[in-house]
């Protein structure tokens, strides 16, 4: 054993227990209640409850009041963002994907930038409805297509002329004109979310937000897709606002904002069929 690995002269039991809870939530990959965490870690239930509530306050854990369960929170990013890889981003975003899918009864996807002009699907969550949209992890799409593309374009810094050139390479089932596309990019910049109503895939409506890094550049896109006939204007607006709030919480965590502790950790619970021929991001 090296000197660095040597145990301290006096261990702080509460700290060790808190770290054990974080490791447990990370390894399970699913939400868990107090009783389950206490049983699996052999902790006193009361002690476990207070540990979890403290971790929620510190932004390290998120709490869902509807299911009374806990999951790893976004505040962890502030401590380890320099070492996070793609899989870690997906793990920390998972509570948001699950919450949006359940609350709005849609399929929710997380897209990561892959090079200068592509995005890759790194995670998804599906609702429990009988009919739902399904997409394959690992699929790649052009950076600026559909709803997620409008959000990425809104924060890309591209000029209108440069975006027009990129638009020429995109493929849609019901293609908009470039002026319509440009207007929707401007709307995404103004509203904080973008909507594709059956243009990329007929019959599917997608609502997307961009997740920005510390420099305000689009790093990821969070998208929700459902069948157009089931998504009214009111549902689309509610979905857009929910996604926008979650993306903002993630962005604050990535930037190491001072309010990460009190806001980012609670965002996952506070913000509250046959698949189409081609995935709708």
C-alpha atoms as a PDB file:
ATOM      1  CA  UNK A   1       0.000   0.000   0.000  1.00  0.00           C
ATOM      2  CA  UNK A   2       1.392   3.422  -0.955  1.00  0.00           C
ATOM      3  CA  UNK A   3       1.465   6.356   1.422  1.00  0.00           C
ATOM      4  CA  UNK A   4      -1.425   7.972  -0.424  1.00  0.00           C
ATOM      5  CA  UNK A   5      -3.589   4.867   0.033  1.00  0.00           C
ATOM      6  CA  UNK A   6      -2.850   4.540   3.747  1.00  0.00           C
ATOM      7  CA  UNK A   7      -5.927   4.988   5.944  1.00  0.00           C
ATOM      8  CA  UNK A   8      -6.096   8.135   8.093  1.00  0.00           C
ATOM      9  CA  UNK A   9      -5.378   7.931  11.799  1.00  0.00           C
ATOM     10  CA  UNK A  10      -9.006   8.800  12.499  1.00  0.00           C
ATOM     11  CA  UNK A  11     -11.731   8.209   9.912  1.00  0.00           C
ATOM     12  CA  UNK A  12     -14.732  10.552   9.845  1.00  0.00           C
ATOM     13  CA  UNK A  13     -17.579   8.076   9.869  1.00  0.00           C
ATOM     14  CA  UNK A  14     -20.254  10.459   8.571  1.00  0.00           C
ATOM     15  CA  UNK A  15     -18.096  11.462   5.607  1.00  0.00           C
ATOM     16  CA  UNK A  16     -17.335   7.848   4.737  1.00  0.00           C
ATOM     17  CA  UNK A  17     -21.027   6.988   4.959  1.00  0.00           C
ATOM     18  CA  UNK A  18     -21.974   9.909   2.731  1.00  0.00           C
ATOM     19  CA  UNK A  19     -19.432   8.885   0.122  1.00  0.00           C
ATOM     20  CA  UNK A  20     -20.711   5.312   0.316  1.00  0.00           C
ATOM     21  CA  UNK A  21     -24.212   6.596  -0.487  1.00  0.00           C
ATOM     22  CA  UNK A  22     -22.913   8.503  -3.512  1.00  0.00           C
ATOM     23  CA  UNK A  23     -21.025   5.458  -4.776  1.00  0.00           C
ATOM     24  CA  UNK A  24     -24.109   3.305  -4.271  1.00  0.00           C
ATOM     25  CA  UNK A  25     -26.378   5.627  -6.258  1.00  0.00           C
ATOM     26  CA  UNK A  26     -23.766   5.820  -9.002  1.00  0.00           C
ATOM     27  CA  UNK A  27     -23.344   2.042  -9.231  1.00  0.00           C
ATOM     28  CA  UNK A  28     -27.042   1.122  -9.124  1.00  0.00           C
ATOM     29  CA  UNK A  29     -27.925   3.473 -11.996  1.00  0.00           C
ATOM     30  CA  UNK A  30     -31.549   3.693 -10.794  1.00  0.00           C
ATOM     31  CA  UNK A  31     -33.472   5.761  -8.277  1.00  0.00           C
ATOM     32  CA  UNK A  32     -33.716   4.285  -4.782  1.00  0.00           C
ATOM     33  CA  UNK A  33     -35.644   4.995  -1.609  1.00  0.00           C
ATOM     34  CA  UNK A  34     -34.265   5.444   1.897  1.00  0.00           C
ATOM     35  CA  UNK A  35     -35.146   1.912   3.003  1.00  0.00           C
ATOM     36  CA  UNK A  36     -33.358   0.292   0.071  1.00  0.00           C
ATOM     37  CA  UNK A  37     -30.222   2.408   0.462  1.00  0.00           C
ATOM     38  CA  UNK A  38     -30.108   1.819   4.217  1.00  0.00           C
ATOM     39  CA  UNK A  39     -30.614  -1.932   3.815  1.00  0.00           C
ATOM     40  CA  UNK A  40     -28.034  -2.410   1.069  1.00  0.00           C
ATOM     41  CA  UNK A  41     -25.414  -0.283   2.840  1.00  0.00           C
ATOM     42  CA  UNK A  42     -26.327  -1.590   6.304  1.00  0.00           C
ATOM     43  CA  UNK A  43     -26.967   1.906   7.617  1.00  0.00           C
ATOM     44  CA  UNK A  44     -29.391   2.992  10.307  1.00  0.00           C
ATOM     45  CA  UNK A  45     -32.534   4.185   8.402  1.00  0.00           C
ATOM     46  CA  UNK A  46     -32.652   7.489  10.300  1.00  0.00           C
ATOM     47  CA  UNK A  47     -28.959   8.126   9.679  1.00  0.00           C
ATOM     48  CA  UNK A  48     -29.388   7.224   6.026  1.00  0.00           C
ATOM     49  CA  UNK A  49     -32.325   9.623   5.681  1.00  0.00           C
ATOM     50  CA  UNK A  50     -30.347  12.540   7.119  1.00  0.00           C
ATOM     51  CA  UNK A  51     -27.342  11.716   4.927  1.00  0.00           C
ATOM     52  CA  UNK A  52     -29.530  11.750   1.816  1.00  0.00           C
ATOM     53  CA  UNK A  53     -31.285  15.005   2.734  1.00  0.00           C
ATOM     54  CA  UNK A  54     -27.909  16.655   3.368  1.00  0.00           C
ATOM     55  CA  UNK A  55     -26.626  15.441  -0.005  1.00  0.00           C
ATOM     56  CA  UNK A  56     -29.769  16.835  -1.669  1.00  0.00           C
ATOM     57  CA  UNK A  57     -29.127  20.209  -0.010  1.00  0.00           C
ATOM     58  CA  UNK A  58     -25.525  20.162  -1.215  1.00  0.00           C
ATOM     59  CA  UNK A  59     -26.630  19.368  -4.796  1.00  0.00           C
ATOM     60  CA  UNK A  60     -24.939  15.973  -4.850  1.00  0.00           C
ATOM     61  CA  UNK A  61     -28.214  14.010  -4.938  1.00  0.00           C
ATOM     62  CA  UNK A  62     -31.632  14.728  -6.468  1.00  0.00           C
ATOM     63  CA  UNK A  63     -34.944  13.842  -4.782  1.00  0.00           C
ATOM     64  CA  UNK A  64     -38.209  12.937  -6.521  1.00  0.00           C
ATOM     65  CA  UNK A  65     -41.099  13.786  -4.148  1.00  0.00           C
ATOM     66  CA  UNK A  66     -43.586  11.759  -6.207  1.00  0.00           C
ATOM     67  CA  UNK A  67     -41.729   8.459  -5.803  1.00  0.00           C
ATOM     68  CA  UNK A  68     -39.798   9.344  -2.633  1.00  0.00           C
ATOM     69  CA  UNK A  69     -36.582   8.193  -4.321  1.00  0.00           C
ATOM     70  CA  UNK A  70     -33.073   9.543  -4.752  1.00  0.00           C
ATOM     71  CA  UNK A  71     -30.535   9.580  -7.585  1.00  0.00           C
ATOM     72  CA  UNK A  72     -27.083  11.002  -8.214  1.00  0.00           C
ATOM     73  CA  UNK A  73     -27.283  14.787  -8.698  1.00  0.00           C
ATOM     74  CA  UNK A  74     -25.693  17.286 -11.018  1.00  0.00           C
ATOM     75  CA  UNK A  75     -23.669  18.914  -8.259  1.00  0.00           C
ATOM     76  CA  UNK A  76     -21.131  16.137  -8.651  1.00  0.00           C
ATOM     77  CA  UNK A  77     -20.131  17.758 -11.954  1.00  0.00           C
ATOM     78  CA  UNK A  78     -18.783  20.816 -10.139  1.00  0.00           C
ATOM     79  CA  UNK A  79     -16.342  18.593  -8.258  1.00  0.00           C
ATOM     80  CA  UNK A  80     -15.289  16.346 -11.119  1.00  0.00           C
ATOM     81  CA  UNK A  81     -16.118  18.115 -14.379  1.00  0.00           C
ATOM     82  CA  UNK A  82     -12.477  18.087 -15.490  1.00  0.00           C
ATOM     83  CA  UNK A  83     -12.427  14.287 -15.439  1.00  0.00           C
ATOM     84  CA  UNK A  84     -15.923  13.582 -16.747  1.00  0.00           C
ATOM     85  CA  UNK A  85     -16.218  11.543 -19.908  1.00  0.00           C
ATOM     86  CA  UNK A  86     -19.202  10.974 -22.147  1.00  0.00           C
ATOM     87  CA  UNK A  87     -20.527   8.100 -20.042  1.00  0.00           C
ATOM     88  CA  UNK A  88     -20.389  10.228 -16.898  1.00  0.00           C
ATOM     89  CA  UNK A  89     -22.421  12.994 -18.527  1.00  0.00           C
ATOM     90  CA  UNK A  90     -25.066  10.470 -19.525  1.00  0.00           C
ATOM     91  CA  UNK A  91     -25.190   8.984 -16.014  1.00  0.00           C
ATOM     92  CA  UNK A  92     -25.691  12.357 -14.372  1.00  0.00           C
ATOM     93  CA  UNK A  93     -28.312  13.377 -16.928  1.00  0.00           C
ATOM     94  CA  UNK A  94     -30.258  10.147 -16.485  1.00  0.00           C
ATOM     95  CA  UNK A  95     -32.590  11.401 -13.698  1.00  0.00           C
ATOM     96  CA  UNK A  96     -33.672  14.265 -15.975  1.00  0.00           C
ATOM     97  CA  UNK A  97     -34.363  11.938 -18.892  1.00  0.00           C
ATOM     98  CA  UNK A  98     -36.424   9.621 -16.700  1.00  0.00           C
ATOM     99  CA  UNK A  99     -38.365  12.465 -15.101  1.00  0.00           C
ATOM    100  CA  UNK A 100     -39.302  14.127 -18.405  1.00  0.00           C
ATOM    101  CA  UNK A 101     -40.277  10.814 -20.014  1.00  0.00           C
ATOM    102  CA  UNK A 102     -42.566   9.922 -17.120  1.00  0.00           C
ATOM    103  CA  UNK A 103     -44.075  13.375 -16.649  1.00  0.00           C
ATOM    104  CA  UNK A 104     -44.801  14.119 -20.303  1.00  0.00           C
ATOM    105  CA  UNK A 105     -45.213  10.576 -21.654  1.00  0.00           C
ATOM    106  CA  UNK A 106     -42.602  10.994 -24.397  1.00  0.00           C
ATOM    107  CA  UNK A 107     -39.282   9.467 -25.412  1.00  0.00           C
ATOM    108  CA  UNK A 108     -36.352  11.589 -24.193  1.00  0.00           C
ATOM    109  CA  UNK A 109     -32.898  11.467 -25.748  1.00  0.00           C
ATOM    110  CA  UNK A 110     -29.466  12.872 -24.921  1.00  0.00           C
ATOM    111  CA  UNK A 111     -27.220  13.845 -27.848  1.00  0.00           C
ATOM    112  CA  UNK A 112     -23.493  14.570 -27.572  1.00  0.00           C
ATOM    113  CA  UNK A 113     -21.400  16.492 -30.065  1.00  0.00           C
ATOM    114  CA  UNK A 114     -19.212  14.171 -32.136  1.00  0.00           C
ATOM    115  CA  UNK A 115     -16.850  16.258 -34.207  1.00  0.00           C
ATOM    116  CA  UNK A 116     -17.587  19.537 -35.947  1.00  0.00           C
ATOM    117  CA  UNK A 117     -20.814  18.619 -37.725  1.00  0.00           C
ATOM    118  CA  UNK A 118     -22.344  15.512 -36.131  1.00  0.00           C
ATOM    119  CA  UNK A 119     -24.097  14.476 -32.923  1.00  0.00           C
ATOM    120  CA  UNK A 120     -24.395  10.993 -31.427  1.00  0.00           C
ATOM    121  CA  UNK A 121     -27.193   9.538 -29.299  1.00  0.00           C
ATOM    122  CA  UNK A 122     -25.656   8.576 -25.937  1.00  0.00           C
ATOM    123  CA  UNK A 123     -28.719   7.865 -23.787  1.00  0.00           C
ATOM    124  CA  UNK A 124     -32.513   7.670 -23.888  1.00  0.00           C
ATOM    125  CA  UNK A 125     -35.517   7.192 -21.615  1.00  0.00           C
ATOM    126  CA  UNK A 126     -38.907   5.935 -22.738  1.00  0.00           C
ATOM    127  CA  UNK A 127     -42.357   6.362 -21.229  1.00  0.00           C
ATOM    128  CA  UNK A 128     -44.493   3.404 -20.191  1.00  0.00           C
ATOM    129  CA  UNK A 129     -47.122   4.033 -22.877  1.00  0.00           C
ATOM    130  CA  UNK A 130     -48.059   1.153 -25.163  1.00  0.00           C
ATOM    131  CA  UNK A 131     -47.103   3.128 -28.301  1.00  0.00           C
ATOM    132  CA  UNK A 132     -43.870   5.100 -28.184  1.00  0.00           C
ATOM    133  CA  UNK A 133     -40.944   6.234 -30.303  1.00  0.00           C
ATOM    134  CA  UNK A 134     -37.782   4.142 -30.042  1.00  0.00           C
ATOM    135  CA  UNK A 135     -34.225   5.084 -31.049  1.00  0.00           C
ATOM    136  CA  UNK A 136     -30.930   3.227 -31.013  1.00  0.00           C
ATOM    137  CA  UNK A 137     -28.047   4.357 -28.805  1.00  0.00           C
ATOM    138  CA  UNK A 138     -25.029   5.249 -30.921  1.00  0.00           C
ATOM    139  CA  UNK A 139     -26.821   6.581 -33.983  1.00  0.00           C
ATOM    140  CA  UNK A 140     -25.383   9.750 -35.513  1.00  0.00           C
ATOM    141  CA  UNK A 141     -27.085  12.706 -37.124  1.00  0.00           C
ATOM    142  CA  UNK A 142     -26.029  15.955 -38.805  1.00  0.00           C
ATOM    143  CA  UNK A 143     -25.439  18.698 -36.272  1.00  0.00           C
ATOM    144  CA  UNK A 144     -28.098  21.113 -37.512  1.00  0.00           C
ATOM    145  CA  UNK A 145     -31.042  18.895 -38.465  1.00  0.00           C
ATOM    146  CA  UNK A 146     -34.485  18.817 -36.813  1.00  0.00           C
ATOM    147  CA  UNK A 147     -35.280  20.401 -33.448  1.00  0.00           C
ATOM    148  CA  UNK A 148     -31.940  19.606 -31.820  1.00  0.00           C
ATOM    149  CA  UNK A 149     -30.182  21.126 -34.837  1.00  0.00           C
ATOM    150  CA  UNK A 150     -32.094  24.373 -34.502  1.00  0.00           C
ATOM    151  CA  UNK A 151     -30.930  24.653 -30.876  1.00  0.00           C
ATOM    152  CA  UNK A 152     -27.342  23.824 -31.774  1.00  0.00           C
ATOM    153  CA  UNK A 153     -27.449  26.360 -34.593  1.00  0.00           C
ATOM    154  CA  UNK A 154     -28.879  29.038 -32.289  1.00  0.00           C
ATOM    155  CA  UNK A 155     -25.737  28.877 -30.142  1.00  0.00           C
ATOM    156  CA  UNK A 156     -23.187  27.980 -32.820  1.00  0.00           C
ATOM    157  CA  UNK A 157     -22.109  31.493 -33.742  1.00  0.00           C
ATOM    158  CA  UNK A 158     -22.576  30.697 -37.440  1.00  0.00           C
ATOM    159  CA  UNK A 159     -23.575  33.518 -39.739  1.00  0.00           C
ATOM    160  CA  UNK A 160     -26.765  33.243 -41.727  1.00  0.00           C
ATOM    161  CA  UNK A 161     -24.744  32.610 -44.897  1.00  0.00           C
ATOM    162  CA  UNK A 162     -22.711  29.815 -43.268  1.00  0.00           C
ATOM    163  CA  UNK A 163     -25.824  28.176 -41.869  1.00  0.00           C
ATOM    164  CA  UNK A 164     -27.468  28.367 -45.298  1.00  0.00           C
ATOM    165  CA  UNK A 165     -24.609  26.284 -46.707  1.00  0.00           C
ATOM    166  CA  UNK A 166     -24.961  23.711 -43.934  1.00  0.00           C
ATOM    167  CA  UNK A 167     -28.742  23.619 -44.458  1.00  0.00           C
ATOM    168  CA  UNK A 168     -28.287  22.527 -48.071  1.00  0.00           C
ATOM    169  CA  UNK A 169     -26.844  19.186 -46.916  1.00  0.00           C
ATOM    170  CA  UNK A 170     -29.718  18.307 -44.558  1.00  0.00           C
ATOM    171  CA  UNK A 171     -32.415  15.765 -45.409  1.00  0.00           C
ATOM    172  CA  UNK A 172     -36.021  16.062 -44.219  1.00  0.00           C
ATOM    173  CA  UNK A 173     -39.261  14.182 -44.932  1.00  0.00           C
ATOM    174  CA  UNK A 174     -41.168  17.486 -45.161  1.00  0.00           C
ATOM    175  CA  UNK A 175     -38.367  20.021 -45.653  1.00  0.00           C
ATOM    176  CA  UNK A 176     -38.834  23.639 -44.565  1.00  0.00           C
ATOM    177  CA  UNK A 177     -37.493  26.473 -46.659  1.00  0.00           C
ATOM    178  CA  UNK A 178     -34.251  27.971 -45.411  1.00  0.00           C
ATOM    179  CA  UNK A 179     -36.073  31.154 -44.358  1.00  0.00           C
ATOM    180  CA  UNK A 180     -38.504  29.061 -42.300  1.00  0.00           C
ATOM    181  CA  UNK A 181     -35.586  27.205 -40.793  1.00  0.00           C
ATOM    182  CA  UNK A 182     -33.730  30.434 -40.016  1.00  0.00           C
ATOM    183  CA  UNK A 183     -36.832  31.881 -38.356  1.00  0.00           C
ATOM    184  CA  UNK A 184     -37.107  28.770 -36.164  1.00  0.00           C
ATOM    185  CA  UNK A 185     -33.432  29.089 -35.194  1.00  0.00           C
ATOM    186  CA  UNK A 186     -34.093  32.671 -34.129  1.00  0.00           C
ATOM    187  CA  UNK A 187     -37.134  31.471 -32.161  1.00  0.00           C
ATOM    188  CA  UNK A 188     -35.008  28.833 -30.435  1.00  0.00           C
ATOM    189  CA  UNK A 189     -32.516  31.528 -29.433  1.00  0.00           C
ATOM    190  CA  UNK A 190     -35.355  33.622 -28.024  1.00  0.00           C
ATOM    191  CA  UNK A 191     -37.425  30.900 -26.310  1.00  0.00           C
ATOM    192  CA  UNK A 192     -34.609  28.627 -25.188  1.00  0.00           C
ATOM    193  CA  UNK A 193     -36.068  25.582 -26.947  1.00  0.00           C
ATOM    194  CA  UNK A 194     -36.909  24.501 -30.497  1.00  0.00           C
ATOM    195  CA  UNK A 195     -39.769  22.528 -32.024  1.00  0.00           C
ATOM    196  CA  UNK A 196     -39.877  20.310 -35.110  1.00  0.00           C
ATOM    197  CA  UNK A 197     -43.475  19.462 -36.012  1.00  0.00           C
ATOM    198  CA  UNK A 198     -43.259  16.598 -38.479  1.00  0.00           C
ATOM    199  CA  UNK A 199     -40.660  18.140 -40.758  1.00  0.00           C
ATOM    200  CA  UNK A 200     -37.776  15.802 -40.032  1.00  0.00           C
ATOM    201  CA  UNK A 201     -40.063  12.774 -39.555  1.00  0.00           C
ATOM    202  CA  UNK A 202     -43.702  12.885 -40.628  1.00  0.00           C
ATOM    203  CA  UNK A 203     -46.073  12.369 -37.721  1.00  0.00           C
ATOM    204  CA  UNK A 204     -43.472  12.994 -35.009  1.00  0.00           C
ATOM    205  CA  UNK A 205     -42.990  16.211 -33.031  1.00  0.00           C
ATOM    206  CA  UNK A 206     -39.720  16.913 -31.254  1.00  0.00           C
ATOM    207  CA  UNK A 207     -38.879  19.543 -28.648  1.00  0.00           C
ATOM    208  CA  UNK A 208     -35.181  20.167 -27.955  1.00  0.00           C
ATOM    209  CA  UNK A 209     -32.871  22.309 -25.859  1.00  0.00           C
ATOM    210  CA  UNK A 210     -29.125  22.823 -26.042  1.00  0.00           C
ATOM    211  CA  UNK A 211     -26.929  22.228 -23.009  1.00  0.00           C
ATOM    212  CA  UNK A 212     -24.147  24.814 -23.010  1.00  0.00           C
ATOM    213  CA  UNK A 213     -20.644  24.468 -21.630  1.00  0.00           C
ATOM    214  CA  UNK A 214     -18.895  27.059 -19.455  1.00  0.00           C
ATOM    215  CA  UNK A 215     -18.105  29.164 -22.552  1.00  0.00           C
ATOM    216  CA  UNK A 216     -21.702  29.189 -23.788  1.00  0.00           C
ATOM    217  CA  UNK A 217     -21.073  26.711 -26.599  1.00  0.00           C
ATOM    218  CA  UNK A 218     -23.501  23.849 -27.323  1.00  0.00           C
ATOM    219  CA  UNK A 219     -22.133  20.669 -25.795  1.00  0.00           C
ATOM    220  CA  UNK A 220     -25.195  18.417 -25.713  1.00  0.00           C
ATOM    221  CA  UNK A 221     -28.839  18.470 -26.759  1.00  0.00           C
ATOM    222  CA  UNK A 222     -31.741  17.160 -24.718  1.00  0.00           C
ATOM    223  CA  UNK A 223     -34.708  16.164 -26.899  1.00  0.00           C
ATOM    224  CA  UNK A 224     -38.206  14.826 -26.321  1.00  0.00           C
ATOM    225  CA  UNK A 225     -40.234  13.219 -29.107  1.00  0.00           C
ATOM    226  CA  UNK A 226     -43.809  12.008 -29.351  1.00  0.00           C
ATOM    227  CA  UNK A 227     -46.531  11.506 -31.897  1.00  0.00           C
ATOM    228  CA  UNK A 228     -47.745  14.817 -33.332  1.00  0.00           C
ATOM    229  CA  UNK A 229     -51.426  13.967 -32.904  1.00  0.00           C
ATOM    230  CA  UNK A 230     -50.907  13.615 -29.154  1.00  0.00           C
ATOM    231  CA  UNK A 231     -48.850  16.768 -28.549  1.00  0.00           C
ATOM    232  CA  UNK A 232     -51.063  19.853 -28.328  1.00  0.00           C
ATOM    233  CA  UNK A 233     -49.607  23.364 -28.357  1.00  0.00           C
ATOM    234  CA  UNK A 234     -50.051  23.540 -24.577  1.00  0.00           C
ATOM    235  CA  UNK A 235     -48.206  20.239 -24.049  1.00  0.00           C
ATOM    236  CA  UNK A 236     -45.406  21.336 -26.367  1.00  0.00           C
ATOM    237  CA  UNK A 237     -44.979  24.614 -24.467  1.00  0.00           C
ATOM    238  CA  UNK A 238     -44.939  22.829 -21.099  1.00  0.00           C
ATOM    239  CA  UNK A 239     -42.405  20.329 -22.404  1.00  0.00           C
ATOM    240  CA  UNK A 240     -40.193  23.090 -23.782  1.00  0.00           C
ATOM    241  CA  UNK A 241     -40.224  24.973 -20.490  1.00  0.00           C
ATOM    242  CA  UNK A 242     -39.417  21.821 -18.533  1.00  0.00           C
ATOM    243  CA  UNK A 243     -36.490  20.925 -20.787  1.00  0.00           C
ATOM    244  CA  UNK A 244     -35.225  24.519 -20.749  1.00  0.00           C
ATOM    245  CA  UNK A 245     -35.141  24.586 -16.931  1.00  0.00           C
ATOM    246  CA  UNK A 246     -33.249  21.300 -16.795  1.00  0.00           C
ATOM    247  CA  UNK A 247     -30.723  22.354 -19.431  1.00  0.00           C
ATOM    248  CA  UNK A 248     -30.115  25.582 -17.503  1.00  0.00           C
ATOM    249  CA  UNK A 249     -29.438  23.599 -14.311  1.00  0.00           C
ATOM    250  CA  UNK A 250     -26.974  21.377 -16.152  1.00  0.00           C
ATOM    251  CA  UNK A 251     -25.287  24.426 -17.681  1.00  0.00           C
ATOM    252  CA  UNK A 252     -24.856  26.038 -14.269  1.00  0.00           C
ATOM    253  CA  UNK A 253     -23.293  22.852 -12.945  1.00  0.00           C
ATOM    254  CA  UNK A 254     -20.919  22.617 -15.905  1.00  0.00           C
ATOM    255  CA  UNK A 255     -19.921  26.228 -15.371  1.00  0.00           C
ATOM    256  CA  UNK A 256     -19.375  25.614 -11.646  1.00  0.00           C
ATOM    257  CA  UNK A 257     -21.912  28.313 -10.767  1.00  0.00           C
ATOM    258  CA  UNK A 258     -22.305  29.407  -7.165  1.00  0.00           C
ATOM    259  CA  UNK A 259     -25.958  28.333  -7.122  1.00  0.00           C
ATOM    260  CA  UNK A 260     -25.228  24.714  -8.113  1.00  0.00           C
ATOM    261  CA  UNK A 261     -25.719  23.488  -4.562  1.00  0.00           C
ATOM    262  CA  UNK A 262     -29.221  24.842  -4.061  1.00  0.00           C
ATOM    263  CA  UNK A 263     -30.667  24.608  -7.583  1.00  0.00           C
ATOM    264  CA  UNK A 264     -28.998  22.080  -9.859  1.00  0.00           C
ATOM    265  CA  UNK A 265     -29.451  19.215  -7.436  1.00  0.00           C
ATOM    266  CA  UNK A 266     -33.212  19.783  -7.227  1.00  0.00           C
ATOM    267  CA  UNK A 267     -33.972  20.353 -10.939  1.00  0.00           C
ATOM    268  CA  UNK A 268     -34.925  16.762 -11.705  1.00  0.00           C
ATOM    269  CA  UNK A 269     -37.965  16.871  -9.412  1.00  0.00           C
ATOM    270  CA  UNK A 270     -38.831  20.564  -9.334  1.00  0.00           C
ATOM    271  CA  UNK A 271     -39.418  21.088 -13.059  1.00  0.00           C
ATOM    272  CA  UNK A 272     -42.649  19.552 -11.568  1.00  0.00           C
ATOM    273  CA  UNK A 273     -46.458   2.557 -30.029  1.00  0.00           C
ATOM    274  CA  UNK A 274     -44.972   2.072 -33.391  1.00  0.00           C
ATOM    275  CA  UNK A 275     -41.804   4.023 -34.066  1.00  0.00           C
ATOM    276  CA  UNK A 276     -41.680   6.388 -37.048  1.00  0.00           C
ATOM    277  CA  UNK A 277     -39.808   5.337 -40.156  1.00  0.00           C
ATOM    278  CA  UNK A 278     -36.717   7.206 -39.011  1.00  0.00           C
ATOM    279  CA  UNK A 279     -35.667   8.371 -35.549  1.00  0.00           C
ATOM    280  CA  UNK A 280     -36.772  11.897 -34.704  1.00  0.00           C
ATOM    281  CA  UNK A 281     -34.153  13.675 -32.609  1.00  0.00           C
END
